[in-house]
N, C-alpha and C. Protein backbone atom coordinates (compact mmCIF):
# COMPACT_ATOMS: atom_id res chain seq x y z
N MET A 1 68.83 135.38 -59.15
CA MET A 1 69.42 134.03 -59.89
C MET A 1 69.99 134.68 -60.99
N GLU A 2 71.48 133.90 -61.21
CA GLU A 2 72.00 134.05 -62.56
C GLU A 2 71.44 133.85 -63.76
N ASN A 3 71.52 134.35 -64.76
CA ASN A 3 70.95 134.19 -66.17
C ASN A 3 71.47 132.94 -66.53
N ASN A 4 72.87 132.56 -66.33
CA ASN A 4 73.77 131.20 -66.77
C ASN A 4 73.10 129.94 -65.90
N THR A 5 72.29 130.10 -65.08
CA THR A 5 71.73 129.00 -64.06
C THR A 5 71.10 127.98 -65.12
N LEU A 6 71.57 126.58 -65.08
CA LEU A 6 71.11 125.65 -65.78
C LEU A 6 69.55 125.62 -65.36
N PRO A 7 68.37 125.29 -66.32
CA PRO A 7 67.16 125.38 -66.10
C PRO A 7 66.62 124.48 -64.89
N GLU A 8 67.52 123.08 -64.82
CA GLU A 8 67.03 122.29 -63.77
C GLU A 8 67.40 122.85 -62.45
N VAL A 9 68.41 123.65 -62.12
CA VAL A 9 68.74 124.29 -61.09
C VAL A 9 67.95 125.11 -60.50
N ALA A 10 67.49 126.00 -61.67
CA ALA A 10 66.54 126.96 -61.03
C ALA A 10 64.94 126.30 -60.91
N GLN A 11 64.51 125.47 -61.45
CA GLN A 11 63.33 124.75 -61.07
C GLN A 11 63.48 123.87 -59.87
N THR A 12 64.93 123.15 -59.59
CA THR A 12 64.69 122.70 -58.35
C THR A 12 64.60 123.46 -57.08
N ALA A 13 65.51 124.75 -57.31
CA ALA A 13 65.73 125.94 -56.35
C ALA A 13 64.14 126.21 -56.04
N ASN A 14 63.45 126.53 -56.91
CA ASN A 14 62.20 126.95 -56.79
C ASN A 14 61.41 126.26 -56.25
N GLU A 15 61.58 124.79 -56.29
CA GLU A 15 60.71 124.02 -55.52
C GLU A 15 61.06 123.83 -54.18
N LEU A 16 62.43 123.96 -53.74
CA LEU A 16 63.23 124.10 -52.58
C LEU A 16 62.34 125.36 -51.92
N PHE A 17 62.25 126.22 -52.40
CA PHE A 17 61.98 127.52 -52.06
C PHE A 17 60.44 127.42 -51.40
N GLN A 18 59.55 126.93 -52.37
CA GLN A 18 58.21 126.80 -51.96
C GLN A 18 57.94 125.83 -51.02
N LEU A 19 58.66 124.81 -50.72
CA LEU A 19 58.58 123.83 -49.67
C LEU A 19 59.19 124.43 -48.41
N ALA A 20 60.19 125.19 -48.46
CA ALA A 20 60.61 126.15 -47.44
C ALA A 20 59.77 126.80 -46.81
N SER A 21 58.87 127.54 -47.71
CA SER A 21 58.05 128.59 -47.17
C SER A 21 56.67 127.82 -46.70
N LYS A 22 56.52 126.43 -46.86
CA LYS A 22 55.61 125.78 -46.15
C LYS A 22 56.20 125.18 -44.78
N CYS A 23 57.33 124.45 -45.03
CA CYS A 23 57.51 123.81 -43.59
C CYS A 23 58.86 124.45 -42.93
N GLY A 24 59.41 125.43 -43.78
CA GLY A 24 60.87 125.83 -43.07
C GLY A 24 62.13 125.26 -43.87
N ILE A 25 63.05 126.06 -44.16
CA ILE A 25 64.38 125.48 -44.54
C ILE A 25 64.72 124.12 -43.88
N VAL A 26 64.84 124.10 -42.85
CA VAL A 26 65.53 122.95 -42.23
C VAL A 26 64.75 121.57 -42.51
N CYS A 27 63.42 121.62 -42.69
CA CYS A 27 62.38 120.49 -43.06
C CYS A 27 62.59 120.25 -44.44
N ALA A 28 62.61 121.53 -45.22
CA ALA A 28 62.67 121.20 -46.59
C ALA A 28 63.94 120.43 -47.18
N LEU A 29 65.04 121.25 -46.29
CA LEU A 29 66.39 120.38 -47.02
C LEU A 29 66.54 118.82 -46.41
N LYS A 30 65.97 118.77 -45.41
CA LYS A 30 65.89 117.13 -44.98
C LYS A 30 64.89 116.31 -45.89
N VAL A 31 63.95 116.95 -46.25
CA VAL A 31 63.22 116.12 -47.52
C VAL A 31 63.74 116.33 -48.68
N GLY A 32 64.55 117.14 -49.02
CA GLY A 32 65.08 117.17 -50.47
C GLY A 32 66.53 116.41 -50.49
N PHE A 33 67.26 116.45 -49.35
CA PHE A 33 68.77 115.93 -49.37
C PHE A 33 69.03 114.77 -48.48
N GLY A 34 67.90 114.67 -47.29
CA GLY A 34 68.28 113.75 -46.21
C GLY A 34 69.39 114.64 -45.17
N ARG A 35 70.04 113.73 -44.50
CA ARG A 35 70.61 114.29 -43.44
C ARG A 35 71.98 114.93 -43.87
N ASN A 36 72.62 114.63 -44.38
CA ASN A 36 74.02 115.44 -44.72
C ASN A 36 73.92 116.45 -45.84
N VAL A 37 73.67 117.58 -45.49
CA VAL A 37 73.51 118.95 -46.72
C VAL A 37 74.44 119.79 -46.24
N ALA A 38 75.29 120.14 -47.59
CA ALA A 38 76.11 121.25 -47.59
C ALA A 38 75.78 122.50 -47.66
N VAL A 39 75.56 123.52 -46.70
CA VAL A 39 74.89 125.23 -47.19
C VAL A 39 75.96 125.85 -46.39
N SER A 40 75.78 126.98 -46.82
CA SER A 40 76.57 128.05 -46.11
C SER A 40 75.53 129.11 -46.04
N ILE A 41 75.60 129.82 -44.76
CA ILE A 41 74.56 131.07 -44.60
C ILE A 41 75.27 131.87 -43.64
N LYS A 42 75.29 133.08 -43.83
CA LYS A 42 75.55 134.13 -43.01
C LYS A 42 75.04 134.33 -41.82
N VAL A 43 75.20 134.24 -40.51
CA VAL A 43 74.34 134.62 -39.39
C VAL A 43 74.24 135.79 -39.27
N PRO A 44 73.05 136.61 -39.34
CA PRO A 44 72.72 138.02 -39.37
C PRO A 44 73.15 138.47 -37.82
N LYS A 45 73.93 139.94 -37.68
CA LYS A 45 74.03 140.41 -36.46
C LYS A 45 73.14 140.36 -35.68
N ASN A 46 71.97 140.84 -36.14
CA ASN A 46 70.76 140.84 -35.01
C ASN A 46 70.24 139.85 -34.44
N LEU A 47 70.74 138.49 -35.16
CA LEU A 47 70.45 137.08 -34.51
C LEU A 47 71.59 137.02 -33.43
N LEU A 48 72.70 137.27 -33.94
CA LEU A 48 73.92 136.81 -33.06
C LEU A 48 73.82 137.74 -31.68
N ASP A 49 73.33 138.86 -31.60
CA ASP A 49 73.11 139.37 -30.59
C ASP A 49 71.97 139.26 -29.73
N THR A 50 71.05 138.41 -30.12
CA THR A 50 69.79 138.37 -29.53
C THR A 50 70.27 136.97 -28.35
N PRO A 51 69.39 137.45 -26.97
CA PRO A 51 69.66 136.54 -25.76
C PRO A 51 68.95 135.27 -26.01
N ILE A 52 69.78 134.12 -25.72
CA ILE A 52 69.81 132.88 -25.79
C ILE A 52 68.35 132.45 -25.30
N GLU A 53 67.78 133.06 -24.37
CA GLU A 53 66.65 132.83 -23.28
C GLU A 53 65.50 132.94 -24.17
N GLU A 54 65.55 133.77 -25.32
CA GLU A 54 64.44 134.03 -26.20
C GLU A 54 64.11 133.03 -27.08
N PHE A 55 64.74 131.68 -27.04
CA PHE A 55 64.51 130.79 -27.58
C PHE A 55 64.06 129.62 -26.94
N ASP A 56 63.02 128.70 -27.51
CA ASP A 56 62.90 127.57 -26.59
C ASP A 56 63.60 126.15 -27.28
N PHE A 57 64.74 126.04 -26.24
CA PHE A 57 65.35 124.95 -26.77
C PHE A 57 64.87 123.64 -25.94
N ASP A 58 65.31 122.49 -25.95
CA ASP A 58 64.85 121.16 -25.33
C ASP A 58 65.94 121.48 -24.09
N THR A 59 65.74 120.44 -23.16
CA THR A 59 66.44 120.71 -21.74
C THR A 59 67.46 120.16 -22.08
N ARG A 60 68.28 119.26 -22.87
CA ARG A 60 69.60 118.62 -23.04
C ARG A 60 70.17 120.00 -23.58
N VAL A 61 69.85 120.27 -24.61
CA VAL A 61 70.37 121.70 -25.40
C VAL A 61 70.59 122.83 -24.08
N ASN A 62 69.52 122.92 -23.45
CA ASN A 62 69.56 124.27 -22.57
C ASN A 62 70.70 123.84 -21.32
N ASN A 63 70.82 122.69 -21.18
CA ASN A 63 71.64 122.45 -20.01
C ASN A 63 73.26 122.35 -20.62
N ILE A 64 73.67 121.85 -21.76
CA ILE A 64 74.81 121.98 -22.76
C ILE A 64 75.03 123.62 -22.63
N LEU A 65 73.83 124.33 -23.19
CA LEU A 65 74.33 125.92 -23.65
C LEU A 65 74.80 126.58 -22.23
N SER A 66 74.02 125.98 -20.86
CA SER A 66 74.37 126.68 -19.64
C SER A 66 75.72 126.29 -19.41
N GLN A 67 76.18 124.80 -19.33
CA GLN A 67 77.58 124.68 -19.16
C GLN A 67 78.52 125.27 -19.94
N TRP A 68 78.26 125.56 -21.09
CA TRP A 68 79.28 126.44 -22.11
C TRP A 68 79.53 127.65 -21.62
N CYS A 69 78.17 128.19 -21.17
CA CYS A 69 78.16 129.65 -21.05
C CYS A 69 78.99 130.10 -19.59
N LYS A 70 79.03 128.86 -18.70
CA LYS A 70 79.76 129.03 -17.28
C LYS A 70 81.38 129.52 -17.68
N HIS A 71 81.79 128.73 -18.66
CA HIS A 71 83.35 129.07 -18.83
C HIS A 71 83.68 130.48 -19.34
N ASN A 72 83.08 131.25 -19.53
CA ASN A 72 83.49 132.47 -19.86
C ASN A 72 82.23 133.54 -19.42
N GLN A 73 82.01 133.39 -18.19
CA GLN A 73 80.81 133.94 -17.46
C GLN A 73 80.75 135.82 -17.71
N HIS A 74 81.68 135.98 -18.37
CA HIS A 74 81.86 137.60 -18.67
C HIS A 74 81.44 138.20 -19.98
N LYS A 75 80.94 137.13 -20.78
CA LYS A 75 80.42 137.02 -22.10
C LYS A 75 79.01 136.93 -21.85
N PRO A 76 78.25 137.89 -22.56
CA PRO A 76 76.61 137.80 -22.72
C PRO A 76 76.35 136.40 -23.20
N ARG A 77 74.92 136.14 -22.78
CA ARG A 77 74.50 134.90 -22.96
C ARG A 77 73.67 135.28 -24.35
N THR A 78 74.34 135.21 -25.54
CA THR A 78 73.57 135.70 -26.70
C THR A 78 73.81 134.46 -27.90
N VAL A 79 73.11 134.50 -28.60
CA VAL A 79 73.41 133.39 -29.93
C VAL A 79 74.70 133.27 -30.24
N GLN A 80 75.42 134.48 -30.44
CA GLN A 80 76.86 134.21 -30.70
C GLN A 80 77.56 133.11 -29.77
N ARG A 81 77.34 132.97 -28.51
CA ARG A 81 77.97 131.79 -27.67
C ARG A 81 77.74 130.53 -28.56
N ILE A 82 76.42 130.27 -29.06
CA ILE A 82 76.11 129.13 -29.80
C ILE A 82 77.19 128.70 -31.10
N VAL A 83 77.12 130.04 -31.58
CA VAL A 83 78.17 129.85 -33.00
C VAL A 83 79.63 129.50 -32.39
N ASP A 84 80.12 130.24 -31.02
CA ASP A 84 81.40 129.87 -30.70
C ASP A 84 81.58 128.57 -30.33
N LEU A 85 80.55 127.40 -29.54
CA LEU A 85 80.42 126.53 -29.16
C LEU A 85 80.58 125.47 -30.72
N ILE A 86 79.66 125.71 -31.67
CA ILE A 86 79.73 124.92 -32.86
C ILE A 86 81.07 125.01 -33.44
N THR A 87 81.82 126.26 -33.26
CA THR A 87 83.19 126.25 -34.17
C THR A 87 84.16 125.55 -33.21
N MET A 88 84.02 125.27 -31.93
CA MET A 88 84.89 124.84 -31.53
C MET A 88 85.29 123.32 -31.85
N GLY A 89 84.31 122.80 -32.55
CA GLY A 89 84.28 121.66 -33.17
C GLY A 89 84.56 120.50 -32.00
N ASP A 90 85.06 119.27 -32.30
CA ASP A 90 85.16 118.30 -31.18
C ASP A 90 85.95 118.53 -29.75
N ARG A 91 86.82 119.53 -29.98
CA ARG A 91 87.56 120.42 -28.41
C ARG A 91 86.16 120.67 -27.64
N ALA A 92 85.04 121.22 -27.94
CA ALA A 92 84.20 121.62 -27.22
C ALA A 92 83.64 120.09 -26.14
N LYS A 93 84.19 119.11 -26.45
CA LYS A 93 83.59 117.81 -25.63
C LYS A 93 84.33 118.16 -24.28
N GLU A 94 85.37 118.92 -24.36
CA GLU A 94 86.47 119.10 -22.89
C GLU A 94 86.10 119.84 -22.21
N PHE A 95 85.21 120.80 -22.77
CA PHE A 95 84.40 121.82 -22.00
C PHE A 95 82.98 121.55 -21.39
N VAL A 96 82.18 120.81 -22.35
CA VAL A 96 80.92 120.47 -22.13
C VAL A 96 80.72 118.98 -22.14
N LYS A 97 80.38 118.70 -20.98
CA LYS A 97 79.84 117.32 -20.78
C LYS A 97 78.55 116.86 -21.51
N GLY A 98 78.53 115.88 -22.28
CA GLY A 98 77.37 115.62 -23.15
C GLY A 98 77.07 116.24 -24.55
N TYR A 99 78.15 117.09 -24.69
CA TYR A 99 78.02 117.64 -26.30
C TYR A 99 78.25 116.68 -26.97
N GLY A 100 77.63 116.64 -28.15
CA GLY A 100 78.22 115.55 -28.94
C GLY A 100 77.45 115.91 -30.59
N HIS A 101 77.18 114.90 -31.42
CA HIS A 101 77.07 115.46 -32.98
C HIS A 101 75.54 115.66 -32.66
N THR A 102 74.31 115.02 -31.90
CA THR A 102 72.90 115.43 -31.99
C THR A 102 73.03 116.82 -31.47
N THR A 103 73.71 117.15 -30.43
CA THR A 103 73.37 118.75 -30.00
C THR A 103 74.11 119.45 -31.02
N LYS A 104 75.30 119.04 -31.67
CA LYS A 104 75.47 120.41 -32.55
C LYS A 104 74.60 120.24 -33.69
N SER A 105 74.29 119.03 -33.92
CA SER A 105 73.13 119.23 -35.48
C SER A 105 72.14 120.06 -34.92
N LYS A 106 71.31 120.10 -33.81
CA LYS A 106 70.20 120.75 -33.31
C LYS A 106 70.77 122.42 -33.24
N LEU A 107 71.72 122.70 -32.88
CA LEU A 107 72.31 123.92 -32.80
C LEU A 107 72.47 124.29 -34.05
N GLN A 108 72.84 123.70 -35.04
CA GLN A 108 73.08 124.24 -36.39
C GLN A 108 72.03 124.28 -37.12
N SER A 109 71.10 123.37 -36.73
CA SER A 109 69.53 123.62 -37.65
C SER A 109 68.94 124.54 -37.16
N PHE A 110 69.26 124.99 -35.66
CA PHE A 110 68.51 126.42 -35.06
C PHE A 110 68.88 127.56 -35.94
N LEU A 111 70.51 127.48 -36.03
CA LEU A 111 71.09 128.74 -36.51
C LEU A 111 70.75 128.84 -38.24
N LEU A 112 70.39 127.81 -38.94
CA LEU A 112 70.06 127.71 -40.19
C LEU A 112 68.79 128.23 -40.40
N GLY A 113 67.75 128.04 -39.50
CA GLY A 113 66.41 128.19 -39.69
C GLY A 113 66.27 129.74 -39.42
N GLU A 114 66.89 129.83 -38.03
CA GLU A 114 66.56 131.68 -37.81
C GLU A 114 67.46 132.61 -38.75
N SER A 115 68.57 131.98 -39.13
CA SER A 115 69.18 132.85 -40.23
C SER A 115 68.34 132.85 -41.57
N TYR A 116 67.84 131.99 -42.18
CA TYR A 116 66.90 131.99 -43.24
C TYR A 116 65.89 132.63 -43.02
N GLU A 117 65.23 132.75 -41.74
CA GLU A 117 64.04 133.45 -41.67
C GLU A 117 64.33 135.30 -41.90
N ARG A 118 65.31 135.39 -41.61
CA ARG A 118 65.97 136.70 -41.47
C ARG A 118 66.29 137.41 -42.74
N LEU A 119 66.19 136.25 -43.73
CA LEU A 119 66.85 136.79 -45.42
C LEU A 119 65.68 137.45 -45.71
N SER A 120 65.92 138.48 -46.87
CA SER A 120 64.64 138.74 -47.69
C SER A 120 64.45 137.60 -48.73
N GLU A 121 63.21 137.76 -49.53
CA GLU A 121 62.79 136.77 -50.20
C GLU A 121 63.95 136.49 -51.40
N ALA A 122 64.61 137.58 -51.89
CA ALA A 122 65.29 137.32 -53.20
C ALA A 122 66.41 136.85 -52.56
N GLU A 123 67.35 136.87 -51.09
CA GLU A 123 68.47 136.12 -50.71
C GLU A 123 67.79 134.64 -50.47
N GLN A 124 66.60 134.67 -49.96
CA GLN A 124 66.00 133.11 -49.59
C GLN A 124 66.26 132.18 -50.80
N ARG A 125 65.70 133.07 -52.03
CA ARG A 125 65.76 132.31 -53.43
C ARG A 125 67.27 131.96 -53.81
N GLU A 126 68.03 132.81 -53.79
CA GLU A 126 69.43 132.74 -53.84
C GLU A 126 70.48 131.57 -53.22
N PHE A 127 69.85 131.60 -51.64
CA PHE A 127 70.29 130.38 -50.87
C PHE A 127 69.93 129.22 -51.34
N CYS A 128 68.58 129.01 -51.99
CA CYS A 128 67.93 127.47 -52.39
C CYS A 128 68.92 127.49 -53.75
N VAL A 129 68.98 128.38 -54.52
CA VAL A 129 70.07 128.03 -55.65
C VAL A 129 71.37 127.37 -55.37
N ASN A 130 71.73 128.07 -54.62
CA ASN A 130 73.26 127.91 -54.00
C ASN A 130 73.19 126.31 -53.14
N ALA A 131 72.10 126.01 -52.31
CA ALA A 131 71.83 124.63 -51.84
C ALA A 131 72.09 123.66 -52.99
N ILE A 132 71.21 123.90 -53.92
CA ILE A 132 71.07 123.20 -55.10
C ILE A 132 72.42 122.72 -55.57
N ILE A 133 72.92 123.90 -56.09
CA ILE A 133 74.28 123.67 -56.47
C ILE A 133 75.32 122.93 -55.76
N GLN A 134 75.27 123.46 -54.42
CA GLN A 134 76.37 122.38 -53.44
C GLN A 134 76.28 121.25 -53.31
N ASN A 135 74.81 120.58 -53.27
CA ASN A 135 74.17 119.53 -53.20
C ASN A 135 73.99 118.39 -54.25
N CYS A 136 73.95 118.84 -55.60
CA CYS A 136 73.41 117.92 -56.83
C CYS A 136 74.74 118.18 -57.74
N ARG A 137 74.78 117.15 -58.48
CA ARG A 137 75.64 117.07 -59.78
C ARG A 137 74.36 117.16 -60.85
N PHE A 138 74.51 118.53 -61.49
CA PHE A 138 73.85 118.58 -63.19
C PHE A 138 74.91 118.31 -64.14
N GLU A 139 74.45 117.81 -65.12
CA GLU A 139 75.30 117.45 -66.19
C GLU A 139 74.56 117.81 -67.46
N GLU A 140 75.15 118.79 -68.40
CA GLU A 140 74.63 118.93 -69.69
C GLU A 140 74.70 117.97 -70.64
N PHE A 141 73.92 117.70 -71.26
CA PHE A 141 73.94 116.77 -72.80
C PHE A 141 73.95 117.46 -73.81
N THR A 142 74.84 117.09 -74.76
CA THR A 142 75.06 117.88 -75.77
C THR A 142 74.81 117.20 -76.94
């Protein structure tokens, strides 16, 4: 955390970090901010290279991922394919029947949770500070 961070940001970020350690970052962000949260996190290479089959998705998400993976069968069925699907945006609907906001949200939450868990504690704390800064407006009173 930077020395010039407002005390309110640091305190709120610490509370977010503590909550995330109890219930996971996805739950903590929903409790703190509701549904529409602006965050950015780098997806680690070791996660991108992990086979999709190692994760327990619901039937609908599994079906959508299967449809998506059929389009480029020469590519491995790894988490990288999930990132590719999400980055397609609305164009993905042309290739995958049933893909919509709910599935996209589930996949984004999955990526966020898995990526966050692979961060060091210091990186998790920094992520929480950045999440607070991106989603809250703090004003200094003089």
